[in-house]
Protein backbone atom coordinates (compact mmCIF):
# COMPACT_ATOMS: atom_id res chain seq x y z
CA TYR A 1 -144.49 61.17 -16.51
CA ALA A 2 -144.59 64.75 -17.76
CA ALA A 3 -140.88 65.23 -17.06
CA LEU A 4 -139.99 62.09 -19.00
CA TRP A 5 -142.28 62.91 -21.91
CA ASN A 6 -141.16 66.53 -22.19
CA THR A 7 -137.50 65.54 -22.02
CA MET A 8 -137.93 62.92 -24.74
CA ASN A 9 -139.84 65.39 -26.89
CA ASP A 10 -137.44 68.32 -26.39
CA PHE A 11 -134.36 66.19 -26.99
CA ASP A 12 -135.81 64.65 -30.16
CA LYS A 13 -136.70 68.06 -31.61
CA LYS A 14 -133.44 69.74 -30.66
CA ARG A 15 -131.29 66.85 -31.84
CA ASN A 16 -132.87 67.02 -35.30
CA ILE A 17 -132.28 70.78 -35.43
CA TRP A 18 -128.69 70.50 -34.24
CA LEU A 19 -127.89 67.74 -36.75
CA THR A 20 -129.43 69.43 -39.79
CA ASP A 21 -129.03 73.19 -39.28
CA PRO A 22 -125.81 74.91 -40.42
CA PHE A 23 -123.02 73.99 -38.02
CA THR A 24 -122.13 77.68 -37.70
CA ASN A 25 -125.52 78.27 -36.02
CA LEU A 26 -124.76 75.91 -33.13
CA ASP A 27 -124.38 77.44 -29.69
CA PRO A 28 -122.04 75.08 -27.81
CA GLU A 29 -123.11 76.41 -24.39
CA GLU A 30 -126.78 75.79 -25.19
CA VAL A 31 -126.06 72.28 -26.47
CA GLU A 32 -123.99 71.29 -23.44
CA LYS A 33 -126.39 72.84 -20.90
CA SER A 34 -129.47 71.28 -22.53
CA VAL A 35 -127.95 67.80 -22.73
CA GLN A 36 -126.81 67.91 -19.10
CA THR A 37 -130.22 69.12 -17.90
CA TRP A 38 -132.08 66.42 -19.86
CA TRP A 39 -129.70 63.72 -18.62
CA ARG A 40 -130.19 64.70 -14.98
CA THR A 41 -133.97 64.76 -15.45
CA VAL A 42 -134.09 61.32 -17.05
CA PHE A 43 -131.75 59.92 -14.39
CA LYS A 44 -134.06 61.14 -11.62
CA VAL A 45 -137.15 59.86 -13.44
CA GLY A 46 -135.50 56.48 -13.86
CA LYS A 47 -134.78 56.28 -10.13
CA THR A 48 -138.42 57.10 -9.40
CA PHE A 49 -139.81 54.31 -11.58
CA GLU A 50 -137.02 51.75 -11.21
CA SER A 51 -138.73 49.61 -8.58
CA THR A 52 -142.39 50.44 -9.29
CA GLN A 53 -142.82 50.55 -13.06
CA PRO A 54 -140.13 48.64 -14.97
CA GLU A 55 -141.62 49.53 -18.37
CA VAL A 56 -141.29 53.27 -17.71
CA PHE A 57 -137.84 52.72 -16.22
CA ALA A 58 -136.78 50.88 -19.37
CA MET A 59 -138.02 53.77 -21.52
CA ALA A 60 -136.15 56.29 -19.37
CA SER A 61 -133.01 54.15 -19.63
CA LEU A 62 -133.22 54.18 -23.44
CA VAL A 63 -133.52 57.96 -23.47
CA LYS A 64 -130.58 58.23 -21.08
CA GLU A 65 -128.48 56.02 -23.37
CA ASP A 66 -129.41 58.23 -26.33
CA LEU A 67 -128.37 61.32 -24.39
CA GLU A 68 -125.10 59.72 -23.33
CA GLN A 69 -124.36 58.84 -26.93
CA PHE A 70 -125.14 62.37 -28.12
CA LYS A 71 -123.10 63.80 -25.25
CA THR A 72 -119.96 62.38 -26.91
CA ASN A 73 -120.47 64.99 -29.66
CA VAL A 74 -120.32 67.94 -27.27
CA PRO A 75 -116.48 68.21 -27.21
CA ILE A 76 -116.25 68.48 -31.01
CA ILE A 77 -119.03 71.11 -31.04
CA THR A 78 -117.37 73.08 -28.24
CA ALA A 79 -113.95 72.98 -29.90
CA LEU A 80 -115.07 73.90 -33.42
CA ARG A 81 -117.56 76.56 -32.29
CA ASN A 82 -114.99 78.17 -30.03
CA PRO A 83 -115.56 81.97 -30.16
CA GLY A 84 -111.79 82.47 -30.14
CA MET A 85 -111.22 80.65 -33.43
CA ARG A 86 -109.73 83.05 -35.99
CA ASP A 87 -108.47 82.62 -39.55
CA ARG A 88 -104.97 81.78 -38.30
CA HIS A 89 -106.35 78.89 -36.24
CA TRP A 90 -108.47 77.56 -39.10
CA GLU A 91 -105.44 77.72 -41.41
CA THR A 92 -103.32 75.78 -38.92
CA LEU A 93 -106.03 73.16 -38.46
CA SER A 94 -106.57 72.88 -42.21
CA ALA A 95 -102.88 72.16 -42.72
CA GLU A 96 -102.72 69.62 -39.88
CA ILE A 97 -105.67 67.45 -40.90
CA ASN A 98 -105.74 68.27 -44.63
CA MET A 99 -109.30 69.59 -44.64
CA GLN A 100 -110.75 72.92 -45.72
CA PHE A 101 -111.85 75.36 -43.02
CA PRO A 102 -113.72 77.37 -41.85
CA PHE A 103 -117.19 75.98 -42.50
CA ASP A 104 -119.77 77.43 -44.83
CA ASP A 105 -123.54 77.16 -44.28
CA SER A 106 -123.76 73.88 -46.18
CA VAL A 107 -121.90 72.04 -43.38
CA THR A 108 -124.08 70.49 -40.68
CA LEU A 109 -123.29 68.60 -37.51
CA ASP A 110 -124.36 65.40 -39.23
CA LYS A 111 -121.81 66.07 -41.99
CA VAL A 112 -119.11 66.92 -39.44
CA LEU A 113 -119.66 63.64 -37.61
CA ASN A 114 -120.44 61.16 -40.37
CA GLU A 115 -119.04 62.50 -43.64
CA MET A 116 -116.03 64.56 -42.57
CA LYS A 117 -115.41 62.27 -39.56
CA LEU A 118 -113.85 65.11 -37.59
CA PRO A 119 -114.07 63.28 -34.23
CA ASP A 120 -111.17 61.16 -35.57
CA PHE A 121 -109.02 64.31 -35.39
CA MET A 122 -110.12 65.34 -31.91
CA GLU A 123 -106.57 65.61 -30.61
CA GLN A 124 -105.55 68.18 -33.23
CA ILE A 125 -108.86 70.04 -32.93
CA SER A 126 -108.65 70.20 -29.13
CA LYS A 127 -105.08 71.48 -29.26
CA CYS A 128 -106.02 74.19 -31.74
CA GLY A 129 -109.17 75.08 -29.77
CA ASP A 130 -107.21 75.33 -26.54
CA LEU A 131 -104.73 77.75 -28.12
CA ALA A 132 -107.62 79.79 -29.56
CA SER A 133 -109.24 79.99 -26.11
CA LYS A 134 -106.08 81.25 -24.42
CA GLU A 135 -105.45 83.84 -27.14
CA PHE A 136 -109.11 84.85 -26.98
CA MET A 137 -108.74 85.64 -23.26
CA ILE A 138 -105.89 88.04 -24.09
CA GLU A 139 -107.92 89.59 -26.91
CA LYS A 140 -110.92 90.08 -24.59
CA THR A 141 -108.76 91.56 -21.84
CA LEU A 142 -107.29 94.13 -24.25
CA ILE A 143 -110.73 95.10 -25.53
CA GLU A 144 -112.12 95.39 -21.99
CA MET A 145 -109.19 97.54 -20.85
CA LYS A 146 -109.59 99.93 -23.77
CA ASP A 147 -113.37 100.07 -23.45
CA GLY A 148 -112.93 100.78 -19.74
CA TRP A 149 -111.60 104.25 -20.59
CA LYS A 150 -114.70 105.30 -22.50
CA GLY A 151 -116.59 107.89 -20.52
CA ILE A 152 -113.67 108.64 -18.18
CA ASP A 153 -113.07 112.38 -18.46
CA LEU A 154 -110.53 114.58 -16.73
CA GLU A 155 -112.29 117.16 -14.55
CA LEU A 156 -111.10 120.75 -14.72
CA MET A 157 -111.92 123.50 -12.25
CA GLU A 158 -111.10 127.19 -12.40
CA TYR A 159 -108.17 128.09 -10.18
CA ARG A 160 -108.98 131.25 -8.22
CA ASP A 161 -108.83 134.27 -10.52
CA SER A 162 -105.84 133.05 -12.52
CA GLY A 163 -107.83 132.63 -15.73
CA THR A 164 -106.71 129.02 -16.00
CA SER A 165 -107.85 125.67 -14.66
CA VAL A 166 -106.47 122.77 -12.70
CA LEU A 167 -107.23 119.07 -12.67
CA LYS A 168 -109.22 117.68 -9.77
CA GLY A 169 -110.48 114.32 -8.55
CA LEU A 170 -107.67 112.26 -10.12
CA ASP A 171 -107.44 109.48 -7.52
CA ASP A 172 -109.76 107.04 -9.33
CA THR A 173 -108.20 107.78 -12.71
CA LEU A 174 -104.67 107.22 -11.41
CA GLN A 175 -105.73 103.97 -9.75
CA HIS A 176 -107.35 102.87 -13.02
CA LEU A 177 -104.09 103.66 -14.81
CA ASP A 178 -102.06 101.65 -12.30
CA ASP A 179 -104.38 98.66 -12.65
CA ASN A 180 -104.20 98.78 -16.45
CA ILE A 181 -100.40 99.06 -16.47
CA VAL A 182 -100.09 96.02 -14.19
CA MET A 183 -102.52 94.08 -16.39
CA ALA A 184 -100.70 95.08 -19.60
CA GLN A 185 -97.38 94.00 -18.10
CA SER A 186 -98.94 90.71 -17.08
CA LEU A 187 -100.17 90.14 -20.65
CA SER A 188 -96.69 90.89 -21.98
CA PHE A 189 -95.35 87.86 -20.08
CA SER A 190 -98.02 85.48 -21.41
CA PRO A 191 -96.74 82.70 -23.68
CA TYR A 192 -99.92 83.16 -25.76
CA LYS A 193 -99.48 86.86 -26.52
CA GLY A 194 -98.06 86.13 -30.03
CA PRO A 195 -100.70 87.74 -32.30
CA PHE A 196 -101.12 90.69 -29.90
CA THR A 197 -97.48 91.43 -29.04
CA GLU A 198 -97.30 94.80 -30.83
CA GLU A 199 -100.72 95.87 -29.58
CA ILE A 200 -99.84 95.01 -25.96
CA GLU A 201 -96.50 96.85 -26.18
CA GLN A 202 -98.13 99.95 -27.70
CA TRP A 203 -100.96 99.91 -25.14
CA GLU A 204 -98.48 99.71 -22.26
CA LYS A 205 -96.46 102.61 -23.73
CA ASP A 206 -99.64 104.69 -24.06
CA LEU A 207 -100.61 103.98 -20.46
CA VAL A 208 -97.16 104.76 -19.08
CA MET A 209 -96.97 107.97 -21.12
CA THR A 210 -100.38 109.04 -19.80
CA GLN A 211 -99.29 108.29 -16.26
CA GLU A 212 -96.09 110.31 -16.69
CA VAL A 213 -97.98 113.28 -18.16
CA LEU A 214 -100.45 113.29 -15.27
CA ASP A 215 -97.65 112.97 -12.72
CA GLU A 216 -95.90 116.00 -14.26
CA TRP A 217 -99.19 117.89 -14.41
CA ILE A 218 -99.93 117.20 -10.72
CA ALA A 219 -96.38 118.23 -9.75
CA CYS A 220 -96.82 121.47 -11.69
CA GLN A 221 -100.15 122.18 -9.98
CA ARG A 222 -98.59 121.71 -6.54
CA LEU A 223 -96.12 124.49 -7.35
């Protein structure tokens, strides 16, 4: 009983918030996870009461139908709240469906569904969202590679009584360089590298140059 009541209550409250708050505040992961959790709970509750209490089973079935109906909105939320969507994607989408994007705070989910009728353009939105996701993965990979060098310092140690120093402990740094070069080369072959082509090429050049400098440095130290 408590599970059914709490699910009905939570869904009712959240649905009202999701429909009326600014669309830009929606967290697609939270929406999808919550709806799935509530649906599973109501399904289990329904099974429990199906043969013993038909009135409770009927109530659970109504809630499940409501959840299934709302679940149809999840794809449009996920696509339009894609973290990879950038101005270039919004401009493309605006041109394809003749509608102004991105959203301002006056746009709600209710407006998206009932006034703007964006589910009618799901094919175009999904295509644009899919491209944004693939480009976002490249963008994230570049950021992670560059951030991965923060805090990596070259260690110097005095060399005998020569008055100069030599590099030491380079194995991890050289391996990190190799891994980054392979990853950068992999990105350069991606069909979705378009907006990041120059950045990828420059990053690969920087990595290769660093590798060459260190190789020369190590060769010099050996002599």
